[in-house]
């Protein structure tokens, strides 16, 4: 029987073979820990510590700066060394709290205390999630306590656990589902306690049979939670793609998942909810894959947020002998960011470091030609956008057409159009740049009005 799927999409080689069967290694950092105050969508967090302060692991060091914002939690014990701008994976410099790690990882009192979530009110559950600093760990970084408080909780029909992990090379969610399936199901039950009319669906691509089996076993005895194995196709892990496959409905441009009765969270986020609510443990540690054809020992790590990416690469054996590292990517090759410097911190939404001996972008630049007008980019777009026309508008700086006629601001930068383009045109990169220019122009116009 043919599986239900979403429109468009592409089939890149998943490259999971490097690390798919490598269990998690717990890595304890040795150097300074760096905590950018902007690790989420929304307002930056506001530091509540100062230089010279002693801190403990699990302590809030920056408080949410608004309704859509999230706390920043120290994942180590030590002394605040400075509060200054530090580079992050995107290359930007962000205000950050730097802590001199004492290597002892002493925690605040109460970390690990077990709690029965069934004894808690909805308000208490949401407060625990907020206090834990949890955001979407699949890449977007939206504050989870805000997502779990829609205007009408009774209208939510589906709580979707996104275990697709469709990006090539990345396998940390696969390992999490294999090893912590029961905890993820409990996290789903916690979320379902907030939405009395919803059912839970754990969506997993069929190239993860061990994770599917583990999650199905964990769902036994939990009638409100089921596993849905879906066709392996990129970008199945996109929020809109998940909703289409589960509900058969299409999230129209401008709509929120809650408008279709859905809440979607990554399985790692749901595990973090379990840890916060049932184990009184804030978001300090996350899964991260170090993989690629250029690294000696592809690995899946449980790593403390704030750890240097350079340390993790060394923990994975460093770069292979006789191999030139052509590109280091924060994330995977479809949606990740090229890293000019690996001495940047692991942030909440980072899930991989991909190290490659061949730079596909460099090769594509050599092969690039004029647009062939073949329409493959249009067919590949999972949102039904028209990348060919968007590119024309972007190149002409026709911002009004790009935004208001072609809905270019809705592009999620999945990279499917760039991947499928036979002319090797850097469409996704062009769209990201154009969206940034449009937003910058809007900010400038607003500032001029003040």
Protein backbone atom coordinates (compact mmCIF):
# COMPACT_ATOMS: atom_id res chain seq x y z
CA UNK A 1 0.00 0.00 0.00
CA UNK A 2 1.37 3.40 -1.00
CA UNK A 3 2.05 5.65 1.97
CA UNK A 4 0.40 9.06 2.20
CA UNK A 5 2.92 11.77 1.46
CA UNK A 6 3.17 15.50 0.82
CA UNK A 7 3.45 17.31 -2.49
CA UNK A 8 6.88 17.94 -3.96
CA UNK A 9 10.05 16.99 -2.15
CA UNK A 10 13.29 15.37 -3.25
CA UNK A 11 15.28 12.21 -2.51
CA UNK A 12 18.87 13.06 -1.57
CA UNK A 13 21.09 10.21 -0.38
CA UNK A 14 20.46 10.08 3.38
CA UNK A 15 24.12 9.36 4.26
CA UNK A 16 22.98 7.90 7.61
CA UNK A 17 25.38 4.95 7.30
CA UNK A 18 28.21 6.90 8.93
CA UNK A 19 26.56 7.21 12.36
CA UNK A 20 23.13 5.54 12.37
CA UNK A 21 24.26 2.61 14.55
CA UNK A 22 26.62 4.58 16.80
CA UNK A 23 25.13 4.85 20.34
CA UNK A 24 25.30 8.10 22.26
CA UNK A 25 28.56 9.04 23.95
CA UNK A 26 28.29 11.44 26.90
CA UNK A 27 30.83 14.22 26.35
CA UNK A 28 31.88 16.44 29.25
CA UNK A 29 33.41 19.73 28.06
CA UNK A 30 36.79 20.95 29.23
CA UNK A 31 37.00 24.56 28.06
CA UNK A 32 34.98 27.71 28.69
CA UNK A 33 31.24 27.52 28.10
CA UNK A 34 29.50 30.15 25.96
CA UNK A 35 25.77 30.91 26.17
CA UNK A 36 24.37 33.31 23.53
CA UNK A 37 21.27 35.09 24.85
CA UNK A 38 19.49 34.60 21.49
CA UNK A 39 19.04 30.84 21.09
CA UNK A 40 15.38 31.01 20.15
CA UNK A 41 12.80 32.80 18.06
CA UNK A 42 11.67 35.99 19.77
CA UNK A 43 13.22 38.51 22.12
CA UNK A 44 16.74 37.81 23.44
CA UNK A 45 17.01 36.66 27.03
CA UNK A 46 18.25 39.21 29.58
CA UNK A 47 21.36 38.28 31.62
CA UNK A 48 20.75 38.15 35.38
CA UNK A 49 24.36 37.33 36.30
CA UNK A 50 27.45 39.50 36.11
CA UNK A 51 31.18 39.03 35.72
CA UNK A 52 32.66 37.23 38.72
CA UNK A 53 29.44 35.52 39.82
CA UNK A 54 29.64 31.84 40.79
CA UNK A 55 27.02 29.72 39.03
CA UNK A 56 25.81 26.12 39.18
CA UNK A 57 24.58 23.79 36.46
CA UNK A 58 20.82 24.15 36.13
CA UNK A 59 20.82 27.80 37.19
CA UNK A 60 18.98 30.41 35.10
CA UNK A 61 21.61 32.88 33.92
CA UNK A 62 19.40 34.90 31.54
CA UNK A 63 15.65 35.38 31.83
CA UNK A 64 13.15 35.44 28.98
CA UNK A 65 13.03 38.95 27.52
CA UNK A 66 9.35 38.90 26.59
CA UNK A 67 6.33 36.69 26.00
CA UNK A 68 7.98 34.98 23.02
CA UNK A 69 11.39 34.33 24.55
CA UNK A 70 13.12 31.68 26.67
CA UNK A 71 15.38 31.40 29.70
CA UNK A 72 19.04 30.48 29.24
CA UNK A 73 20.29 27.83 31.68
CA UNK A 74 23.90 27.22 32.67
CA UNK A 75 24.95 23.63 31.94
CA UNK A 76 28.14 23.82 34.02
CA UNK A 77 29.36 25.13 37.33
CA UNK A 78 32.02 27.81 37.50
CA UNK A 79 32.54 31.56 37.41
CA UNK A 80 31.13 34.10 34.96
CA UNK A 81 34.16 35.22 32.98
CA UNK A 82 32.51 37.90 30.85
CA UNK A 83 29.35 39.04 29.09
CA UNK A 84 30.39 39.97 25.58
CA UNK A 85 29.69 39.36 21.91
CA UNK A 86 30.82 35.96 20.68
CA UNK A 87 30.59 34.33 17.27
CA UNK A 88 27.94 31.66 16.69
CA UNK A 89 27.66 29.04 13.93
CA UNK A 90 26.01 31.42 11.44
CA UNK A 91 29.02 33.75 11.65
CA UNK A 92 27.10 36.44 13.52
CA UNK A 93 28.36 37.89 16.80
CA UNK A 94 25.79 37.60 19.57
CA UNK A 95 25.76 38.90 23.13
CA UNK A 96 26.83 35.89 25.22
CA UNK A 97 27.53 34.84 28.78
CA UNK A 98 30.95 33.19 29.07
CA UNK A 99 31.49 30.86 32.04
CA UNK A 100 34.84 29.50 33.17
CA UNK A 101 33.97 25.82 33.48
CA UNK A 102 35.35 24.31 36.71
CA UNK A 103 34.82 20.77 35.41
CA UNK A 104 32.81 19.72 38.46
CA UNK A 105 29.30 20.23 37.03
CA UNK A 106 27.79 20.91 40.44
CA UNK A 107 24.02 21.37 40.14
CA UNK A 108 21.42 23.52 41.84
CA UNK A 109 19.39 21.86 44.56
CA UNK A 110 16.46 19.77 43.36
CA UNK A 111 17.81 18.74 39.95
CA UNK A 112 16.69 15.16 39.30
CA UNK A 113 13.80 15.20 41.77
CA UNK A 114 11.07 12.90 40.45
CA UNK A 115 7.57 14.32 39.99
CA UNK A 116 4.32 12.60 38.94
CA UNK A 117 3.00 14.88 36.20
CA UNK A 118 -0.54 13.64 36.86
CA UNK A 119 -0.47 15.54 40.17
CA UNK A 120 0.26 18.85 38.42
CA UNK A 121 -2.16 21.40 37.02
CA UNK A 122 -1.85 22.54 33.40
CA UNK A 123 -0.47 25.85 34.65
CA UNK A 124 2.19 24.07 36.72
CA UNK A 125 3.26 21.93 33.75
CA UNK A 126 3.62 24.98 31.51
CA UNK A 127 5.56 26.80 34.26
CA UNK A 128 8.00 23.88 34.55
CA UNK A 129 8.53 23.86 30.77
CA UNK A 130 9.11 27.63 30.75
CA UNK A 131 11.48 27.50 33.73
CA UNK A 132 13.47 24.76 31.96
CA UNK A 133 14.20 27.06 29.00
CA UNK A 134 12.86 24.57 26.46
CA UNK A 135 12.56 25.60 22.81
CA UNK A 136 12.03 23.64 19.61
CA UNK A 137 15.13 21.47 19.23
CA UNK A 138 14.48 20.54 15.61
CA UNK A 139 15.98 23.78 14.33
CA UNK A 140 13.34 26.51 14.62
CA UNK A 141 13.85 27.28 18.32
CA UNK A 142 10.31 28.49 19.07
CA UNK A 143 9.70 28.73 22.86
CA UNK A 144 7.83 25.54 23.79
CA UNK A 145 5.74 26.97 26.64
CA UNK A 146 4.24 29.45 24.16
CA UNK A 147 3.49 26.77 21.56
CA UNK A 148 1.72 24.65 24.19
CA UNK A 149 -0.61 27.49 25.17
CA UNK A 150 -2.76 28.15 22.08
CA UNK A 151 -5.91 30.25 22.38
CA UNK A 152 -8.22 27.22 22.31
CA UNK A 153 -6.64 24.07 23.73
CA UNK A 154 -9.88 22.14 23.18
CA UNK A 155 -9.57 22.65 19.41
CA UNK A 156 -6.26 20.78 19.19
CA UNK A 157 -6.85 17.39 17.52
CA UNK A 158 -3.28 16.16 16.99
CA UNK A 159 -0.05 16.36 18.97
CA UNK A 160 2.61 15.34 16.46
CA UNK A 161 6.04 14.12 17.57
CA UNK A 162 8.37 14.84 14.67
CA UNK A 163 10.85 11.97 14.43
CA UNK A 164 11.37 12.24 10.68
CA UNK A 165 14.99 13.45 10.89
CA UNK A 166 15.02 13.80 7.10
CA UNK A 167 18.22 15.87 6.83
CA UNK A 168 21.14 13.79 5.46
CA UNK A 169 23.87 12.58 7.87
CA UNK A 170 22.00 13.45 11.10
CA UNK A 171 21.11 10.49 13.37
CA UNK A 172 20.82 11.84 16.95
CA UNK A 173 17.01 11.73 16.96
CA UNK A 174 17.13 8.15 15.65
CA UNK A 175 19.37 7.18 18.57
CA UNK A 176 17.16 9.08 21.02
CA UNK A 177 14.05 7.20 19.87
CA UNK A 178 15.85 3.86 20.04
CA UNK A 179 17.15 4.42 23.58
CA UNK A 180 14.56 6.69 25.23
CA UNK A 181 11.27 5.65 23.61
CA UNK A 182 9.41 5.26 26.93
CA UNK A 183 10.46 8.73 28.07
CA UNK A 184 9.33 10.26 24.76
CA UNK A 185 5.93 8.58 25.10
CA UNK A 186 5.63 9.95 28.64
CA UNK A 187 6.51 13.38 27.24
CA UNK A 188 3.71 12.93 24.71
CA UNK A 189 1.30 12.02 27.52
CA UNK A 190 2.30 15.19 29.36
CA UNK A 191 1.51 17.25 26.26
CA UNK A 192 -1.77 15.40 25.72
CA UNK A 193 -2.79 16.25 29.28
CA UNK A 194 -2.90 19.87 28.07
CA UNK A 195 -5.14 19.01 25.11
CA UNK A 196 -8.09 16.84 26.18
CA UNK A 197 -9.42 16.20 22.64
CA UNK A 198 -6.13 15.37 20.94
CA UNK A 199 -4.42 12.16 19.93
CA UNK A 200 -0.66 11.75 19.75
CA UNK A 201 1.16 10.68 16.59
CA UNK A 202 4.87 9.84 16.47
CA UNK A 203 5.90 10.38 12.84
CA UNK A 204 9.05 8.50 11.75
CA UNK A 205 10.53 7.96 8.28
CA UNK A 206 10.68 4.32 7.24
CA UNK A 207 14.51 4.36 6.98
CA UNK A 208 14.61 4.12 10.81
CA UNK A 209 13.19 0.63 11.46
CA UNK A 210 14.82 0.25 14.89
CA UNK A 211 13.36 3.57 16.07
CA UNK A 212 9.94 2.60 14.71
CA UNK A 213 10.05 -0.73 16.56
CA UNK A 214 11.20 0.90 19.83
CA UNK A 215 8.51 3.59 19.69
CA UNK A 216 5.76 1.08 18.80
CA UNK A 217 6.73 -1.05 21.80
CA UNK A 218 6.75 2.01 24.08
CA UNK A 219 3.27 3.02 22.83
CA UNK A 220 1.74 -0.25 24.02
CA UNK A 221 -0.70 0.55 26.81
CA UNK A 222 -0.93 4.19 25.71
CA UNK A 223 -4.10 4.32 23.58
CA UNK A 224 -3.80 8.03 22.85
CA UNK A 225 -0.36 7.67 21.23
CA UNK A 226 0.46 5.82 18.01
CA UNK A 227 3.38 5.55 15.58
CA UNK A 228 3.04 6.54 11.93
CA UNK A 229 5.81 5.22 9.65
CA UNK A 230 6.02 7.41 6.55
CA UNK A 231 7.77 7.45 3.21
CA UNK A 232 11.39 8.62 3.30
CA UNK A 233 11.34 11.91 1.41
CA UNK A 234 12.89 15.30 2.08
CA UNK A 235 11.66 17.63 3.67
CA UNK A 236 9.33 15.27 5.57
CA UNK A 237 10.57 16.85 8.82
CA UNK A 238 9.11 20.24 7.88
CA UNK A 239 6.17 21.26 10.04
CA UNK A 240 3.82 21.65 7.08
CA UNK A 241 4.85 18.27 5.65
CA UNK A 242 4.18 16.56 9.00
CA UNK A 243 0.72 18.12 9.23
CA UNK A 244 -0.19 17.15 5.66
CA UNK A 245 0.81 13.53 6.17
CA UNK A 246 -0.95 13.15 9.53
CA UNK A 247 -4.17 15.08 8.84
CA UNK A 248 -4.51 15.09 5.06
CA UNK A 249 -4.96 18.85 5.30
CA UNK A 250 -2.71 21.57 3.91
CA UNK A 251 -1.46 24.37 6.14
CA UNK A 252 -2.12 27.38 3.93
CA UNK A 253 0.36 30.21 3.72
CA UNK A 254 0.03 32.48 6.74
CA UNK A 255 -1.72 29.88 8.92
CA UNK A 256 -0.37 28.47 12.17
CA UNK A 257 -0.45 24.73 12.99
CA UNK A 258 -3.00 25.42 15.74
CA UNK A 259 -5.36 26.79 13.05
CA UNK A 260 -5.57 23.21 11.76
CA UNK A 261 -5.82 21.74 15.23
CA UNK A 262 -2.18 20.63 15.42
CA UNK A 263 0.81 21.02 17.71
CA UNK A 264 4.10 19.77 16.27
CA UNK A 265 7.29 19.26 18.28
CA UNK A 266 10.53 17.46 17.61
CA UNK A 267 11.08 14.21 19.57
CA UNK A 268 14.10 15.77 21.30
CA UNK A 269 11.90 18.64 22.50
CA UNK A 270 9.38 16.12 23.84
CA UNK A 271 12.15 14.26 25.66
CA UNK A 272 13.22 17.60 27.18
CA UNK A 273 9.62 18.14 28.34
CA UNK A 274 9.74 14.76 30.09
CA UNK A 275 13.05 15.67 31.77
CA UNK A 276 11.74 19.06 32.92
CA UNK A 277 8.38 17.89 34.24
CA UNK A 278 9.16 14.40 35.58
CA UNK A 279 12.84 14.79 36.52
CA UNK A 280 13.01 18.49 37.48
CA UNK A 281 15.88 18.88 35.01
CA UNK A 282 16.08 21.97 32.78
CA UNK A 283 17.42 21.97 29.23
CA UNK A 284 21.18 21.62 29.70
CA UNK A 285 22.08 18.60 27.56
CA UNK A 286 21.04 17.63 24.03
CA UNK A 287 21.81 15.11 21.30
CA UNK A 288 24.18 16.08 18.50
CA UNK A 289 25.66 14.15 15.57
CA UNK A 290 29.19 14.69 14.28
CA UNK A 291 29.36 13.04 10.87
CA UNK A 292 30.51 13.31 7.28
CA UNK A 293 33.13 11.75 5.03
CA UNK A 294 35.94 13.86 6.51
CA UNK A 295 35.71 12.97 10.22
CA UNK A 296 37.60 10.01 11.69
CA UNK A 297 34.93 8.67 14.06
CA UNK A 298 31.38 9.73 13.20
CA UNK A 299 29.57 9.97 16.54
CA UNK A 300 26.33 10.73 18.32
CA UNK A 301 26.94 12.74 21.48
CA UNK A 302 24.94 13.79 24.52
CA UNK A 303 26.53 17.19 24.95
CA UNK A 304 26.08 20.14 27.28
CA UNK A 305 24.75 23.29 25.63
CA UNK A 306 27.52 25.89 25.49
CA UNK A 307 30.26 23.38 24.60
CA UNK A 308 32.71 24.38 21.87
CA UNK A 309 32.02 22.66 18.53
CA UNK A 310 35.78 22.39 18.05
CA UNK A 311 35.99 20.25 21.20
CA UNK A 312 33.33 17.91 19.84
CA UNK A 313 35.13 17.49 16.52
CA UNK A 314 38.27 16.51 18.44
CA UNK A 315 36.22 14.08 20.53
CA UNK A 316 35.14 12.49 17.24
CA UNK A 317 38.78 11.89 16.33
CA UNK A 318 39.30 15.06 14.34
CA UNK A 319 39.69 15.18 10.58
CA UNK A 320 40.81 12.03 8.74
CA UNK A 321 44.47 11.77 7.81
CA UNK A 322 45.19 12.70 4.19
CA UNK A 323 41.75 14.35 3.86
CA UNK A 324 41.33 18.06 3.28
CA UNK A 325 38.31 19.49 5.09
CA UNK A 326 36.45 21.36 2.38
CA UNK A 327 33.38 22.36 4.37
CA UNK A 328 32.16 22.28 7.97
CA UNK A 329 28.41 22.69 8.38
CA UNK A 330 26.36 23.41 11.47
CA UNK A 331 23.43 21.08 10.81
CA UNK A 332 23.09 19.05 7.62
CA UNK A 333 23.96 19.87 4.00
CA UNK A 334 20.41 20.84 2.96
CA UNK A 335 19.54 23.49 5.57
CA UNK A 336 22.71 23.93 7.61
CA UNK A 337 25.12 26.87 7.84
CA UNK A 338 28.69 26.74 6.57
CA UNK A 339 31.03 27.37 9.50
CA UNK A 340 34.06 29.58 8.97
CA UNK A 341 35.20 28.83 12.52
CA UNK A 342 34.40 25.77 14.65
CA UNK A 343 35.27 27.53 17.90
CA UNK A 344 31.59 28.38 18.38
CA UNK A 345 29.18 27.09 21.04
CA UNK A 346 26.60 24.34 20.73
CA UNK A 347 23.24 26.07 21.02
CA UNK A 348 19.82 24.68 21.88
CA UNK A 349 18.73 24.16 18.28
CA UNK A 350 22.05 22.75 16.97
CA UNK A 351 21.74 19.05 16.15
CA UNK A 352 24.79 18.27 14.02
CA UNK A 353 28.24 19.17 12.77
CA UNK A 354 28.78 17.80 9.26
CA UNK A 355 32.36 17.63 7.99
CA UNK A 356 32.84 17.13 4.25
CA UNK A 357 35.82 16.46 2.02
CA UNK A 358 33.94 17.67 -1.06
CA UNK A 359 32.20 21.04 -1.27
CA UNK A 360 29.09 20.52 -3.42
CA UNK A 361 28.43 24.27 -3.52
CA UNK A 362 31.90 24.93 -4.92
CA UNK A 363 31.34 22.27 -7.59
CA UNK A 364 27.91 23.68 -8.44
CA UNK A 365 29.33 27.19 -8.89
CA UNK A 366 31.67 25.86 -11.58
CA UNK A 367 28.84 24.03 -13.35
CA UNK A 368 26.17 26.75 -13.05
CA UNK A 369 24.34 27.88 -16.17
CA UNK A 370 21.39 30.15 -16.94
CA UNK A 371 17.94 28.93 -15.85
CA UNK A 372 16.72 26.15 -18.19
CA UNK A 373 13.05 26.84 -17.40
CA UNK A 374 12.54 23.12 -16.83
CA UNK A 375 10.17 23.61 -13.89
CA UNK A 376 11.81 21.02 -11.66
CA UNK A 377 12.19 23.52 -8.82
CA UNK A 378 8.46 24.23 -8.95
CA UNK A 379 7.63 20.53 -8.74
CA UNK A 380 10.04 20.01 -5.83
CA UNK A 381 8.73 22.82 -3.62
CA UNK A 382 6.70 21.30 -0.79
CA UNK A 383 4.86 24.60 -0.28
CA UNK A 384 3.73 24.98 -3.88
CA UNK A 385 5.80 28.13 -4.42
CA UNK A 386 7.34 29.01 -7.81
CA UNK A 387 11.12 29.27 -7.24
CA UNK A 388 11.80 30.11 -10.89
CA UNK A 389 9.71 33.28 -10.71
CA UNK A 390 10.90 34.06 -7.19
CA UNK A 391 14.49 33.99 -8.45
CA UNK A 392 13.64 36.40 -11.26
CA UNK A 393 12.04 38.83 -8.80
CA UNK A 394 14.91 38.48 -6.34
CA UNK A 395 17.57 39.14 -8.97
CA UNK A 396 15.69 42.27 -10.10
CA UNK A 397 15.27 43.42 -6.47
CA UNK A 398 11.52 43.46 -7.08
CA UNK A 399 10.71 43.03 -3.41
CA UNK A 400 7.00 43.75 -3.77
CA UNK A 401 6.53 40.97 -6.34
CA UNK A 402 8.72 38.56 -4.36
CA UNK A 403 6.77 39.10 -1.14
CA UNK A 404 3.21 39.93 -2.14
CA UNK A 405 2.69 38.20 -5.50
CA UNK A 406 4.94 35.15 -5.15
CA UNK A 407 4.77 34.71 -1.33
CA UNK A 408 8.56 34.44 -1.16
CA UNK A 409 8.65 35.24 2.56
CA UNK A 410 6.93 31.88 3.19
CA UNK A 411 9.97 29.98 1.85
CA UNK A 412 11.34 27.74 4.62
CA UNK A 413 14.79 27.44 3.00
CA UNK A 414 14.64 23.65 2.81
CA UNK A 415 16.95 23.67 -0.23
CA UNK A 416 14.89 21.25 -2.35
CA UNK A 417 14.85 23.68 -5.29
CA UNK A 418 18.62 24.12 -5.19
CA UNK A 419 19.18 20.37 -4.90
CA UNK A 420 17.01 19.49 -7.91
CA UNK A 421 18.12 22.35 -10.20
CA UNK A 422 20.01 20.95 -13.25
CA UNK A 423 21.43 24.44 -13.90
CA UNK A 424 23.04 24.35 -10.42
CA UNK A 425 21.59 27.73 -9.47
CA UNK A 426 21.87 28.71 -5.77
CA UNK A 427 18.15 29.37 -5.37
CA UNK A 428 17.83 28.83 -1.62
CA UNK A 429 20.80 31.09 -0.91
CA UNK A 430 19.28 33.80 -3.12
CA UNK A 431 15.94 33.54 -1.34
CA UNK A 432 17.51 33.72 2.12
CA UNK A 433 19.46 36.82 1.11
CA UNK A 434 16.35 38.45 -0.40
CA UNK A 435 14.25 37.73 2.70
CA UNK A 436 16.97 39.26 4.88
CA UNK A 437 17.07 42.38 2.66
CA UNK A 438 13.27 42.75 2.84
CA UNK A 439 13.28 42.45 6.63
CA UNK A 440 16.15 44.93 6.92
CA UNK A 441 14.25 47.43 4.73
CA UNK A 442 11.15 47.04 6.91
CA UNK A 443 13.14 47.61 10.10
CA UNK A 444 14.74 50.71 8.59
CA UNK A 445 11.34 52.06 7.54
CA UNK A 446 9.94 51.50 11.02
CA UNK A 447 12.94 53.18 12.64
CA UNK A 448 12.51 56.19 10.34
CA UNK A 449 8.93 56.65 11.57
CA UNK A 450 10.01 56.95 15.21
